[in-house]
Amino acid sequence: MKRWVTNIIQDPTINAVDKAKQDITRIAENTNYNILSIFRYSAVGESDEAMHSRIDGITAGVVPGDIVFFQYPSYISIRFDIFFINHMIARGVKLILILHDVEYIRKGVSETFNEIEILNRCSALIVHNLKMKAKLKECGVFKPMIANFMFDFLRTGGYKENSFSRELVLAGSLEKSDYISTWNLKTNLIAFGGSGKIDFSKRVDYRGAVSQEKLFDALPNCFGLSWDSTPGFKEYTMYNNPYKVSMYLCMGLPVIVWASSAVADIIVKNRLGYAINTLNEIDHLIVNLSDKEIHDLLKNVRRFSALLRDGFFTKQALIKAEQQVLYGEINYF
């Protein structure tokens, strides 16, 4: 039996979509997994026969009884994903999906495909957290689900050494955060990312779109803000693990998140930042923090950061998923 993980190969992007998958591939490869390289391409107009042949070529080394971890969705096309999943099942493979996004939760029922039925074809799923697991179960998923709890963020090198400032930084897809157009809090907000047609408040310090390689040097040493506010995206954070939270923590920044977000539990319980109900709480929160509280936060974050930099959460999820499909639940007591 061999173990495989898919590796989506694409041109580098400003956002972290490709890094999340590349990091999982690297962690798995360092744990002696075999790699199934999939070049991201436009599948528009590709015939069924051509797609079947493409997938056969990608998975030529996979045999019945192997374990394949498929990073879902591939963002090639849902048609490609369905074809790939069906190929693996027909070949007698134990197929485990590593979920990066779930459109059913984010956008609701699709007219073009039944995502819940697709998820139930697989042997097991690695989901973001226990809240996503409960939501998917409520939606009709009955296959075993293993919670990852946090995306890892591989990085070598040190932490921010400049003095900590009582500011906020927001990095990522800014179109999810419409409050940057009306930001009027006293706390300074620094923003990085694609701006599109966003009109920034005069109180927002917008510093442009910066590549992942350059972002570490560009980020100020302050609080990282993870707060999606636009309809659909805000509700989705009740179930997903925002990758920007892992990025902030990896770089040594404590975070501020929405109290109803799924990631809030791990942030609060490990004292890695604060969970609040509204953005209007930020000024009072930050101005009343003592220097000792900030010192303790930074100490906690750096300790936790070592786990993310080492791939701890991905390794644990891969092992638990393998155990599930090979042996089922193990009773230790």
C-alpha atoms as a PDB file:
ATOM      1  CA  MET A   1       0.000   0.000   0.000  1.00  0.00           C
ATOM      2  CA  LYS A   2       1.235   3.451  -0.930  1.00  0.00           C
ATOM      3  CA  ARG A   3       0.106   6.825   0.378  1.00  0.00           C
ATOM      4  CA  TRP A   4      -0.404   9.695  -2.034  1.00  0.00           C
ATOM      5  CA  VAL A   5      -1.293  13.381  -1.808  1.00  0.00           C
ATOM      6  CA  THR A   6      -2.269  15.673  -4.658  1.00  0.00           C
ATOM      7  CA  ASN A   7      -0.108  18.677  -5.451  1.00  0.00           C
ATOM      8  CA  ILE A   8      -1.735  21.485  -7.405  1.00  0.00           C
ATOM      9  CA  ILE A   9       0.903  23.230  -9.509  1.00  0.00           C
ATOM     10  CA  GLN A  10       0.111  26.774 -10.618  1.00  0.00           C
ATOM     11  CA  ASP A  11       1.732  30.145 -11.058  1.00  0.00           C
ATOM     12  CA  PRO A  12       2.358  32.001  -7.777  1.00  0.00           C
ATOM     13  CA  THR A  13      -0.488  34.250  -6.644  1.00  0.00           C
ATOM     14  CA  ILE A  14      -0.637  37.343  -4.461  1.00  0.00           C
ATOM     15  CA  ASN A  15      -3.103  35.673  -2.109  1.00  0.00           C
ATOM     16  CA  ALA A  16      -2.306  32.538  -0.103  1.00  0.00           C
ATOM     17  CA  VAL A  17      -4.516  30.068  -1.991  1.00  0.00           C
ATOM     18  CA  ASP A  18      -1.584  28.214  -3.522  1.00  0.00           C
ATOM     19  CA  LYS A  19       0.591  28.297  -0.377  1.00  0.00           C
ATOM     20  CA  ALA A  20      -2.018  26.518   1.742  1.00  0.00           C
ATOM     21  CA  LYS A  21      -2.009  23.542  -0.621  1.00  0.00           C
ATOM     22  CA  GLN A  22       1.726  23.621  -1.261  1.00  0.00           C
ATOM     23  CA  ASP A  23       2.414  23.503   2.473  1.00  0.00           C
ATOM     24  CA  ILE A  24       0.209  20.443   2.914  1.00  0.00           C
ATOM     25  CA  THR A  25       2.046  18.770   0.036  1.00  0.00           C
ATOM     26  CA  ARG A  26       5.448  19.555   1.564  1.00  0.00           C
ATOM     27  CA  ILE A  27       4.411  18.293   5.002  1.00  0.00           C
ATOM     28  CA  ALA A  28       3.063  15.068   3.520  1.00  0.00           C
ATOM     29  CA  GLU A  29       6.132  14.594   1.317  1.00  0.00           C
ATOM     30  CA  ASN A  30       8.386  14.980   4.356  1.00  0.00           C
ATOM     31  CA  THR A  31       6.347  12.202   5.989  1.00  0.00           C
ATOM     32  CA  ASN A  32       7.099   9.850   3.045  1.00  0.00           C
ATOM     33  CA  TYR A  33       3.951  10.395   1.002  1.00  0.00           C
ATOM     34  CA  ASN A  34       4.074  10.095  -2.760  1.00  0.00           C
ATOM     35  CA  ILE A  35       3.045  13.116  -4.822  1.00  0.00           C
ATOM     36  CA  LEU A  36       0.374  13.283  -7.526  1.00  0.00           C
ATOM     37  CA  SER A  37       1.172  16.480  -9.412  1.00  0.00           C
ATOM     38  CA  ILE A  38      -1.792  18.209 -11.051  1.00  0.00           C
ATOM     39  CA  PHE A  39      -1.107  21.234 -13.234  1.00  0.00           C
ATOM     40  CA  ARG A  40      -3.875  23.776 -12.924  1.00  0.00           C
ATOM     41  CA  TYR A  41      -5.320  24.427 -16.381  1.00  0.00           C
ATOM     42  CA  SER A  42      -8.502  25.587 -18.068  1.00  0.00           C
ATOM     43  CA  ALA A  43     -10.820  22.599 -18.444  1.00  0.00           C
ATOM     44  CA  VAL A  44     -13.387  24.559 -20.436  1.00  0.00           C
ATOM     45  CA  GLY A  45     -14.314  22.589 -23.546  1.00  0.00           C
ATOM     46  CA  GLU A  46     -12.237  19.538 -22.626  1.00  0.00           C
ATOM     47  CA  SER A  47     -13.980  16.329 -23.700  1.00  0.00           C
ATOM     48  CA  ASP A  48     -14.801  13.551 -21.261  1.00  0.00           C
ATOM     49  CA  GLU A  49     -12.330  11.269 -23.034  1.00  0.00           C
ATOM     50  CA  ALA A  50      -9.511  13.804 -22.768  1.00  0.00           C
ATOM     51  CA  MET A  51     -10.193  14.402 -19.072  1.00  0.00           C
ATOM     52  CA  HIS A  52     -10.301  10.653 -18.372  1.00  0.00           C
ATOM     53  CA  SER A  53      -6.944  10.256 -20.135  1.00  0.00           C
ATOM     54  CA  ARG A  54      -5.458  13.194 -18.237  1.00  0.00           C
ATOM     55  CA  ILE A  55      -6.469  11.754 -14.859  1.00  0.00           C
ATOM     56  CA  ASP A  56      -5.246   8.287 -15.846  1.00  0.00           C
ATOM     57  CA  GLY A  57      -1.859   9.820 -16.590  1.00  0.00           C
ATOM     58  CA  ILE A  58      -1.740  11.744 -13.325  1.00  0.00           C
ATOM     59  CA  THR A  59      -2.617   8.646 -11.274  1.00  0.00           C
ATOM     60  CA  ALA A  60      -0.799   5.988 -13.286  1.00  0.00           C
ATOM     61  CA  GLY A  61       1.091   4.746 -10.212  1.00  0.00           C
ATOM     62  CA  VAL A  62      -1.967   4.426  -7.971  1.00  0.00           C
ATOM     63  CA  VAL A  63      -3.249   0.873  -7.430  1.00  0.00           C
ATOM     64  CA  PRO A  64      -6.198  -0.655  -5.547  1.00  0.00           C
ATOM     65  CA  GLY A  65      -5.754  -0.441  -1.778  1.00  0.00           C
ATOM     66  CA  ASP A  66      -3.641   2.717  -1.860  1.00  0.00           C
ATOM     67  CA  ILE A  67      -4.603   5.798   0.146  1.00  0.00           C
ATOM     68  CA  VAL A  68      -5.021   9.026  -1.804  1.00  0.00           C
ATOM     69  CA  PHE A  69      -5.428  12.414  -0.116  1.00  0.00           C
ATOM     70  CA  PHE A  70      -7.104  14.775  -2.576  1.00  0.00           C
ATOM     71  CA  GLN A  71      -6.875  18.495  -1.819  1.00  0.00           C
ATOM     72  CA  TYR A  72     -10.402  19.675  -2.571  1.00  0.00           C
ATOM     73  CA  PRO A  73     -11.415  21.688  -4.460  1.00  0.00           C
ATOM     74  CA  SER A  74      -8.671  21.725  -7.068  1.00  0.00           C
ATOM     75  CA  TYR A  75      -9.996  25.020  -8.492  1.00  0.00           C
ATOM     76  CA  ILE A  76      -9.573  23.546 -11.966  1.00  0.00           C
ATOM     77  CA  SER A  77     -13.301  22.828 -12.245  1.00  0.00           C
ATOM     78  CA  ILE A  78     -15.885  20.930 -10.252  1.00  0.00           C
ATOM     79  CA  ARG A  79     -16.162  18.610 -13.266  1.00  0.00           C
ATOM     80  CA  PHE A  80     -12.471  17.748 -12.946  1.00  0.00           C
ATOM     81  CA  ASP A  81     -12.893  17.105  -9.211  1.00  0.00           C
ATOM     82  CA  ILE A  82     -15.862  14.798  -9.791  1.00  0.00           C
ATOM     83  CA  PHE A  83     -14.000  12.898 -12.499  1.00  0.00           C
ATOM     84  CA  PHE A  84     -10.953  12.522 -10.252  1.00  0.00           C
ATOM     85  CA  ILE A  85     -12.997  11.301  -7.303  1.00  0.00           C
ATOM     86  CA  ASN A  86     -14.897   8.813  -9.464  1.00  0.00           C
ATOM     87  CA  HIS A  87     -11.643   7.506 -10.955  1.00  0.00           C
ATOM     88  CA  MET A  88     -10.165   6.818  -7.539  1.00  0.00           C
ATOM     89  CA  ILE A  89     -13.292   5.113  -6.229  1.00  0.00           C
ATOM     90  CA  ALA A  90     -13.568   2.929  -9.351  1.00  0.00           C
ATOM     91  CA  ARG A  91      -9.932   1.909  -8.878  1.00  0.00           C
ATOM     92  CA  GLY A  92     -10.559   0.679  -5.328  1.00  0.00           C
ATOM     93  CA  VAL A  93      -8.603   3.453  -3.642  1.00  0.00           C
ATOM     94  CA  LYS A  94      -9.205   4.717  -0.101  1.00  0.00           C
ATOM     95  CA  LEU A  95      -9.892   8.342  -0.957  1.00  0.00           C
ATOM     96  CA  ILE A  96      -9.654  11.066   1.702  1.00  0.00           C
ATOM     97  CA  LEU A  97     -10.568  14.644   0.877  1.00  0.00           C
ATOM     98  CA  ILE A  98      -8.621  17.465   2.499  1.00  0.00           C
ATOM     99  CA  LEU A  99     -11.194  20.248   2.457  1.00  0.00           C
ATOM    100  CA  HIS A 100      -9.948  23.752   1.725  1.00  0.00           C
ATOM    101  CA  ASP A 101     -13.406  25.143   1.023  1.00  0.00           C
ATOM    102  CA  VAL A 102     -16.969  23.838   1.033  1.00  0.00           C
ATOM    103  CA  GLU A 103     -19.207  25.713  -1.375  1.00  0.00           C
ATOM    104  CA  TYR A 104     -22.335  24.139   0.111  1.00  0.00           C
ATOM    105  CA  ILE A 105     -21.658  25.908   3.404  1.00  0.00           C
ATOM    106  CA  ARG A 106     -20.434  29.141   1.852  1.00  0.00           C
ATOM    107  CA  LYS A 107     -22.996  29.571  -0.919  1.00  0.00           C
ATOM    108  CA  GLY A 108     -25.725  27.001  -0.317  1.00  0.00           C
ATOM    109  CA  VAL A 109     -27.246  24.463  -2.711  1.00  0.00           C
ATOM    110  CA  SER A 110     -25.779  24.482  -6.207  1.00  0.00           C
ATOM    111  CA  GLU A 111     -27.898  23.946  -9.325  1.00  0.00           C
ATOM    112  CA  THR A 112     -24.990  22.262 -11.108  1.00  0.00           C
ATOM    113  CA  PHE A 113     -23.766  19.663  -8.624  1.00  0.00           C
ATOM    114  CA  ASN A 114     -24.638  18.013  -5.312  1.00  0.00           C
ATOM    115  CA  GLU A 115     -21.573  18.660  -3.167  1.00  0.00           C
ATOM    116  CA  ILE A 116     -22.833  16.686  -0.179  1.00  0.00           C
ATOM    117  CA  GLU A 117     -23.291  13.615  -2.373  1.00  0.00           C
ATOM    118  CA  ILE A 118     -19.748  14.104  -3.679  1.00  0.00           C
ATOM    119  CA  LEU A 119     -18.309  14.274  -0.149  1.00  0.00           C
ATOM    120  CA  ASN A 120     -20.170  11.113   0.820  1.00  0.00           C
ATOM    121  CA  ARG A 121     -18.486   9.140  -1.968  1.00  0.00           C
ATOM    122  CA  CYS A 122     -15.136   9.336  -0.185  1.00  0.00           C
ATOM    123  CA  SER A 123     -13.705   7.189   2.599  1.00  0.00           C
ATOM    124  CA  ALA A 124     -13.158  10.111   4.982  1.00  0.00           C
ATOM    125  CA  LEU A 125     -12.797  13.895   5.110  1.00  0.00           C
ATOM    126  CA  ILE A 126     -10.303  16.177   6.805  1.00  0.00           C
ATOM    127  CA  VAL A 127     -12.360  19.225   7.801  1.00  0.00           C
ATOM    128  CA  HIS A 128     -11.335  22.552   9.311  1.00  0.00           C
ATOM    129  CA  ASN A 129     -12.684  22.181  12.824  1.00  0.00           C
ATOM    130  CA  LEU A 130     -15.416  20.653  14.975  1.00  0.00           C
ATOM    131  CA  LYS A 131     -17.950  23.318  13.975  1.00  0.00           C
ATOM    132  CA  MET A 132     -17.487  22.507  10.292  1.00  0.00           C
ATOM    133  CA  LYS A 133     -17.791  18.824  11.157  1.00  0.00           C
ATOM    134  CA  ALA A 134     -21.092  19.419  12.963  1.00  0.00           C
ATOM    135  CA  LYS A 135     -22.392  21.612  10.129  1.00  0.00           C
ATOM    136  CA  LEU A 136     -21.555  19.052   7.447  1.00  0.00           C
ATOM    137  CA  LYS A 137     -23.164  16.301   9.507  1.00  0.00           C
ATOM    138  CA  GLU A 138     -26.282  18.479   9.762  1.00  0.00           C
ATOM    139  CA  CYS A 139     -26.174  18.913   5.971  1.00  0.00           C
ATOM    140  CA  GLY A 140     -26.146  15.162   5.407  1.00  0.00           C
ATOM    141  CA  VAL A 141     -22.483  14.103   5.388  1.00  0.00           C
ATOM    142  CA  PHE A 142     -22.201  10.705   7.078  1.00  0.00           C
ATOM    143  CA  LYS A 143     -18.611   9.745   6.291  1.00  0.00           C
ATOM    144  CA  PRO A 144     -15.923   9.950   9.033  1.00  0.00           C
ATOM    145  CA  MET A 145     -14.584  13.476   9.508  1.00  0.00           C
ATOM    146  CA  ILE A 146     -11.277  14.431  11.125  1.00  0.00           C
ATOM    147  CA  ALA A 147     -10.802  17.994  12.364  1.00  0.00           C
ATOM    148  CA  ASN A 148      -7.578  19.735  11.390  1.00  0.00           C
ATOM    149  CA  PHE A 149      -8.158  22.646  13.859  1.00  0.00           C
ATOM    150  CA  MET A 150      -5.671  25.014  12.189  1.00  0.00           C
ATOM    151  CA  PHE A 151      -3.921  25.354   8.830  1.00  0.00           C
ATOM    152  CA  ASP A 152      -0.167  25.089   9.190  1.00  0.00           C
ATOM    153  CA  PHE A 153       2.034  27.813   7.712  1.00  0.00           C
ATOM    154  CA  LEU A 154       5.534  26.627   6.863  1.00  0.00           C
ATOM    155  CA  ARG A 155       8.222  29.211   7.344  1.00  0.00           C
ATOM    156  CA  THR A 156      11.836  29.419   8.435  1.00  0.00           C
ATOM    157  CA  GLY A 157      13.452  32.465   9.928  1.00  0.00           C
ATOM    158  CA  GLY A 158      12.809  34.672  12.903  1.00  0.00           C
ATOM    159  CA  TYR A 159       9.984  36.802  14.204  1.00  0.00           C
ATOM    160  CA  LYS A 160       9.345  40.506  14.117  1.00  0.00           C
ATOM    161  CA  GLU A 161      11.993  42.219  16.223  1.00  0.00           C
ATOM    162  CA  ASN A 162      10.744  45.805  16.045  1.00  0.00           C
ATOM    163  CA  SER A 163       8.673  47.096  18.946  1.00  0.00           C
ATOM    164  CA  PHE A 164       5.012  46.128  19.123  1.00  0.00           C
ATOM    165  CA  SER A 165       2.532  48.827  18.108  1.00  0.00           C
ATOM    166  CA  ARG A 166      -1.084  49.107  19.204  1.00  0.00           C
ATOM    167  CA  GLU A 167      -2.365  49.006  15.630  1.00  0.00           C
ATOM    168  CA  LEU A 168      -4.160  46.528  13.367  1.00  0.00           C
ATOM    169  CA  VAL A 169      -3.068  44.940  10.121  1.00  0.00           C
ATOM    170  CA  LEU A 170      -5.456  43.334   7.635  1.00  0.00           C
ATOM    171  CA  ALA A 171      -3.925  41.213   4.874  1.00  0.00           C
ATOM    172  CA  GLY A 172      -5.806  39.223   2.270  1.00  0.00           C
ATOM    173  CA  SER A 173      -8.896  39.506   0.096  1.00  0.00           C
ATOM    174  CA  LEU A 174     -10.068  42.979   1.017  1.00  0.00           C
ATOM    175  CA  GLU A 175     -13.343  42.676  -0.875  1.00  0.00           C
ATOM    176  CA  LYS A 176     -14.574  40.506   2.021  1.00  0.00           C
ATOM    177  CA  SER A 177     -14.111  43.441   4.419  1.00  0.00           C
ATOM    178  CA  ASP A 178     -16.385  46.289   3.419  1.00  0.00           C
ATOM    179  CA  TYR A 179     -15.716  48.163   6.681  1.00  0.00           C
ATOM    180  CA  ILE A 180     -12.423  49.444   5.271  1.00  0.00           C
ATOM    181  CA  SER A 181     -14.502  51.957   3.306  1.00  0.00           C
ATOM    182  CA  THR A 182     -16.039  53.416   6.464  1.00  0.00           C
ATOM    183  CA  TRP A 183     -13.326  52.775   9.081  1.00  0.00           C
ATOM    184  CA  ASN A 184     -13.529  55.592  11.652  1.00  0.00           C
ATOM    185  CA  LEU A 185     -12.016  54.010  14.763  1.00  0.00           C
ATOM    186  CA  LYS A 186      -9.112  55.638  16.558  1.00  0.00           C
ATOM    187  CA  THR A 187      -7.029  52.464  16.183  1.00  0.00           C
ATOM    188  CA  ASN A 188      -4.932  52.660  13.028  1.00  0.00           C
ATOM    189  CA  LEU A 189      -5.722  50.013  10.382  1.00  0.00           C
ATOM    190  CA  ILE A 190      -3.009  49.019   7.885  1.00  0.00           C
ATOM    191  CA  ALA A 191      -4.213  47.006   4.882  1.00  0.00           C
ATOM    192  CA  PHE A 192      -2.452  44.782   2.335  1.00  0.00           C
ATOM    193  CA  GLY A 193      -4.115  43.034  -0.580  1.00  0.00           C
ATOM    194  CA  GLY A 194      -5.906  43.460  -3.868  1.00  0.00           C
ATOM    195  CA  SER A 195      -8.109  46.522  -3.639  1.00  0.00           C
ATOM    196  CA  GLY A 196     -10.336  46.076  -6.698  1.00  0.00           C
ATOM    197  CA  LYS A 197     -12.751  48.998  -6.710  1.00  0.00           C
ATOM    198  CA  ILE A 198     -12.670  49.567  -2.960  1.00  0.00           C
ATOM    199  CA  ASP A 199     -12.862  53.132  -1.705  1.00  0.00           C
ATOM    200  CA  PHE A 200     -10.650  53.228   1.366  1.00  0.00           C
ATOM    201  CA  SER A 201     -11.492  55.310   4.398  1.00  0.00           C
ATOM    202  CA  LYS A 202      -8.982  58.097   4.998  1.00  0.00           C
ATOM    203  CA  ARG A 203      -8.220  56.366   8.303  1.00  0.00           C
ATOM    204  CA  VAL A 204      -7.033  53.188   6.526  1.00  0.00           C
ATOM    205  CA  ASP A 205      -3.341  53.014   5.615  1.00  0.00           C
ATOM    206  CA  TYR A 206      -3.493  50.974   2.390  1.00  0.00           C
ATOM    207  CA  ARG A 207      -0.090  49.638   1.349  1.00  0.00           C
ATOM    208  CA  GLY A 208      -0.980  47.676  -1.771  1.00  0.00           C
ATOM    209  CA  ALA A 209      -0.836  44.039  -2.816  1.00  0.00           C
ATOM    210  CA  VAL A 210       2.339  42.293  -1.652  1.00  0.00           C
ATOM    211  CA  SER A 211       3.537  38.793  -2.545  1.00  0.00           C
ATOM    212  CA  GLN A 212       3.815  36.151   0.168  1.00  0.00           C
ATOM    213  CA  GLU A 213       7.610  36.252  -0.072  1.00  0.00           C
ATOM    214  CA  LYS A 214       7.722  39.970   0.716  1.00  0.00           C
ATOM    215  CA  LEU A 215       4.817  40.170   3.138  1.00  0.00           C
ATOM    216  CA  PHE A 216       6.798  39.184   6.236  1.00  0.00           C
ATOM    217  CA  ASP A 217       9.110  42.169   5.887  1.00  0.00           C
ATOM    218  CA  ALA A 218       6.192  44.446   5.040  1.00  0.00           C
ATOM    219  CA  LEU A 219       3.909  43.524   7.945  1.00  0.00           C
ATOM    220  CA  PRO A 220       4.060  45.773  11.011  1.00  0.00           C
ATOM    221  CA  ASN A 221       4.456  44.169  14.432  1.00  0.00           C
ATOM    222  CA  CYS A 222       0.912  44.652  15.707  1.00  0.00           C
ATOM    223  CA  PHE A 223      -2.433  42.846  15.978  1.00  0.00           C
ATOM    224  CA  GLY A 224      -3.573  40.828  12.966  1.00  0.00           C
ATOM    225  CA  LEU A 225      -7.242  41.343  12.135  1.00  0.00           C
ATOM    226  CA  SER A 226      -9.295  38.478  10.674  1.00  0.00           C
ATOM    227  CA  TRP A 227     -12.794  39.822  10.102  1.00  0.00           C
ATOM    228  CA  ASP A 228     -14.879  39.115   7.007  1.00  0.00           C
ATOM    229  CA  SER A 229     -17.953  41.331   6.987  1.00  0.00           C
ATOM    230  CA  THR A 230     -19.648  40.976   3.617  1.00  0.00           C
ATOM    231  CA  PRO A 231     -22.747  38.710   3.418  1.00  0.00           C
ATOM    232  CA  GLY A 232     -21.907  35.059   2.858  1.00  0.00           C
ATOM    233  CA  PHE A 233     -18.258  35.433   3.775  1.00  0.00           C
ATOM    234  CA  LYS A 234     -19.014  36.520   7.338  1.00  0.00           C
ATOM    235  CA  GLU A 235     -21.323  33.558   7.946  1.00  0.00           C
ATOM    236  CA  TYR A 236     -18.749  31.212   6.431  1.00  0.00           C
ATOM    237  CA  THR A 237     -16.228  32.151   9.131  1.00  0.00           C
ATOM    238  CA  MET A 238     -18.543  30.445  11.624  1.00  0.00           C
ATOM    239  CA  TYR A 239     -17.289  27.157  10.121  1.00  0.00           C
ATOM    240  CA  ASN A 240     -13.937  27.655   8.392  1.00  0.00           C
ATOM    241  CA  ASN A 241     -10.342  28.301   9.490  1.00  0.00           C
ATOM    242  CA  PRO A 242      -9.152  31.531   7.811  1.00  0.00           C
ATOM    243  CA  TYR A 243      -5.670  31.006   6.430  1.00  0.00           C
ATOM    244  CA  LYS A 244      -4.724  34.575   7.328  1.00  0.00           C
ATOM    245  CA  VAL A 245      -5.019  33.660  11.028  1.00  0.00           C
ATOM    246  CA  SER A 246      -2.310  31.025  10.565  1.00  0.00           C
ATOM    247  CA  MET A 247      -0.182  33.550   8.686  1.00  0.00           C
ATOM    248  CA  TYR A 248      -0.458  36.150  11.445  1.00  0.00           C
ATOM    249  CA  LEU A 249       0.351  33.643  14.177  1.00  0.00           C
ATOM    250  CA  CYS A 250       3.248  32.146  12.228  1.00  0.00           C
ATOM    251  CA  MET A 251       4.769  35.602  11.949  1.00  0.00           C
ATOM    252  CA  GLY A 252       4.356  36.211  15.661  1.00  0.00           C
ATOM    253  CA  LEU A 253       1.323  38.507  15.564  1.00  0.00           C
ATOM    254  CA  PRO A 254      -1.535  38.079  18.052  1.00  0.00           C
ATOM    255  CA  VAL A 255      -4.945  38.192  16.406  1.00  0.00           C
ATOM    256  CA  ILE A 256      -8.368  39.725  16.823  1.00  0.00           C
ATOM    257  CA  VAL A 257     -11.300  37.694  15.475  1.00  0.00           C
ATOM    258  CA  TRP A 258     -15.097  37.654  15.530  1.00  0.00           C
ATOM    259  CA  ALA A 259     -16.396  35.922  18.662  1.00  0.00           C
ATOM    260  CA  SER A 260     -18.802  33.789  16.602  1.00  0.00           C
ATOM    261  CA  SER A 261     -16.120  32.548  14.220  1.00  0.00           C
ATOM    262  CA  ALA A 262     -15.041  28.929  14.411  1.00  0.00           C
ATOM    263  CA  VAL A 263     -11.414  29.873  15.013  1.00  0.00           C
ATOM    264  CA  ALA A 264     -12.299  31.967  18.074  1.00  0.00           C
ATOM    265  CA  ASP A 265     -12.223  28.974  20.433  1.00  0.00           C
ATOM    266  CA  ILE A 266      -8.611  28.026  19.746  1.00  0.00           C
ATOM    267  CA  ILE A 267      -7.544  31.694  19.862  1.00  0.00           C
ATOM    268  CA  VAL A 268      -9.144  32.364  23.229  1.00  0.00           C
ATOM    269  CA  LYS A 269      -8.300  29.053  24.912  1.00  0.00           C
ATOM    270  CA  ASN A 270      -4.638  29.323  23.939  1.00  0.00           C
ATOM    271  CA  ARG A 271      -4.486  33.063  24.687  1.00  0.00           C
ATOM    272  CA  LEU A 272      -3.329  33.990  21.199  1.00  0.00           C
ATOM    273  CA  GLY A 273      -5.432  37.120  20.905  1.00  0.00           C
ATOM    274  CA  TYR A 274      -8.993  38.270  21.456  1.00  0.00           C
ATOM    275  CA  ALA A 275     -12.470  37.424  20.205  1.00  0.00           C
ATOM    276  CA  ILE A 276     -14.933  40.309  20.125  1.00  0.00           C
ATOM    277  CA  ASN A 277     -18.520  40.744  19.008  1.00  0.00           C
ATOM    278  CA  THR A 278     -18.228  43.996  17.068  1.00  0.00           C
ATOM    279  CA  LEU A 279     -15.437  46.071  15.592  1.00  0.00           C
ATOM    280  CA  ASN A 280     -16.523  48.953  17.807  1.00  0.00           C
ATOM    281  CA  GLU A 281     -14.953  47.106  20.761  1.00  0.00           C
ATOM    282  CA  ILE A 282     -11.453  47.430  19.315  1.00  0.00           C
ATOM    283  CA  ASP A 283     -10.533  50.912  20.550  1.00  0.00           C
ATOM    284  CA  HIS A 284     -11.484  50.141  24.161  1.00  0.00           C
ATOM    285  CA  LEU A 285      -9.780  46.743  24.047  1.00  0.00           C
ATOM    286  CA  ILE A 286      -6.442  47.924  22.695  1.00  0.00           C
ATOM    287  CA  VAL A 287      -6.085  51.127  24.682  1.00  0.00           C
ATOM    288  CA  ASN A 288      -6.732  49.276  27.963  1.00  0.00           C
ATOM    289  CA  LEU A 289      -4.224  46.459  27.423  1.00  0.00           C
ATOM    290  CA  SER A 290      -1.266  46.590  29.778  1.00  0.00           C
ATOM    291  CA  ASP A 291       2.280  46.109  28.520  1.00  0.00           C
ATOM    292  CA  LYS A 292       2.434  42.847  30.492  1.00  0.00           C
ATOM    293  CA  GLU A 293      -0.695  41.529  28.768  1.00  0.00           C
ATOM    294  CA  ILE A 294       0.846  42.253  25.388  1.00  0.00           C
ATOM    295  CA  HIS A 295       4.138  40.653  26.456  1.00  0.00           C
ATOM    296  CA  ASP A 296       2.296  37.507  27.538  1.00  0.00           C
ATOM    297  CA  LEU A 297       0.316  37.420  24.283  1.00  0.00           C
ATOM    298  CA  LEU A 298       3.482  37.618  22.191  1.00  0.00           C
ATOM    299  CA  LYS A 299       5.072  34.852  24.254  1.00  0.00           C
ATOM    300  CA  ASN A 300       2.045  32.579  23.738  1.00  0.00           C
ATOM    301  CA  VAL A 301       1.917  33.318  20.020  1.00  0.00           C
ATOM    302  CA  ARG A 302       5.583  32.511  19.476  1.00  0.00           C
ATOM    303  CA  ARG A 303       5.231  29.215  21.294  1.00  0.00           C
ATOM    304  CA  PHE A 304       2.158  28.295  19.233  1.00  0.00           C
ATOM    305  CA  SER A 305       3.808  29.525  16.057  1.00  0.00           C
ATOM    306  CA  ALA A 306       6.400  26.757  16.318  1.00  0.00           C
ATOM    307  CA  LEU A 307       3.612  24.203  15.755  1.00  0.00           C
ATOM    308  CA  LEU A 308       2.400  25.925  12.601  1.00  0.00           C
ATOM    309  CA  ARG A 309       5.916  26.277  11.211  1.00  0.00           C
ATOM    310  CA  ASP A 310       6.554  22.554  11.743  1.00  0.00           C
ATOM    311  CA  GLY A 311       3.331  21.254  10.176  1.00  0.00           C
ATOM    312  CA  PHE A 312       2.017  19.870  13.472  1.00  0.00           C
ATOM    313  CA  PHE A 313      -1.701  20.090  12.709  1.00  0.00           C
ATOM    314  CA  THR A 314      -1.442  18.630   9.210  1.00  0.00           C
ATOM    315  CA  LYS A 315       0.654  15.694  10.428  1.00  0.00           C
ATOM    316  CA  GLN A 316      -1.866  14.918  13.156  1.00  0.00           C
ATOM    317  CA  ALA A 317      -4.792  15.074  10.725  1.00  0.00           C
ATOM    318  CA  LEU A 318      -3.099  12.822   8.165  1.00  0.00           C
ATOM    319  CA  ILE A 319      -2.306  10.195  10.794  1.00  0.00           C
ATOM    320  CA  LYS A 320      -5.829  10.255  12.248  1.00  0.00           C
ATOM    321  CA  ALA A 321      -7.393  10.031   8.779  1.00  0.00           C
ATOM    322  CA  GLU A 322      -5.239   7.028   7.894  1.00  0.00           C
ATOM    323  CA  GLN A 323      -6.173   5.347  11.150  1.00  0.00           C
ATOM    324  CA  GLN A 324      -9.844   5.945  10.412  1.00  0.00           C
ATOM    325  CA  VAL A 325      -9.872   4.403   6.936  1.00  0.00           C
ATOM    326  CA  LEU A 326      -7.592   1.487   7.809  1.00  0.00           C
ATOM    327  CA  TYR A 327      -8.796   0.491  11.277  1.00  0.00           C
ATOM    328  CA  GLY A 328     -11.817   2.608  12.184  1.00  0.00           C
ATOM    329  CA  GLU A 329     -12.188   4.094  15.622  1.00  0.00           C
ATOM    330  CA  ILE A 330      -9.696   2.824  18.202  1.00  0.00           C
ATOM    331  CA  ASN A 331     -10.818   2.623  21.809  1.00  0.00           C
ATOM    332  CA  TYR A 332      -7.898   3.406  24.083  1.00  0.00           C
ATOM    333  CA  PHE A 333      -9.710   3.014  27.392  1.00  0.00           C
END
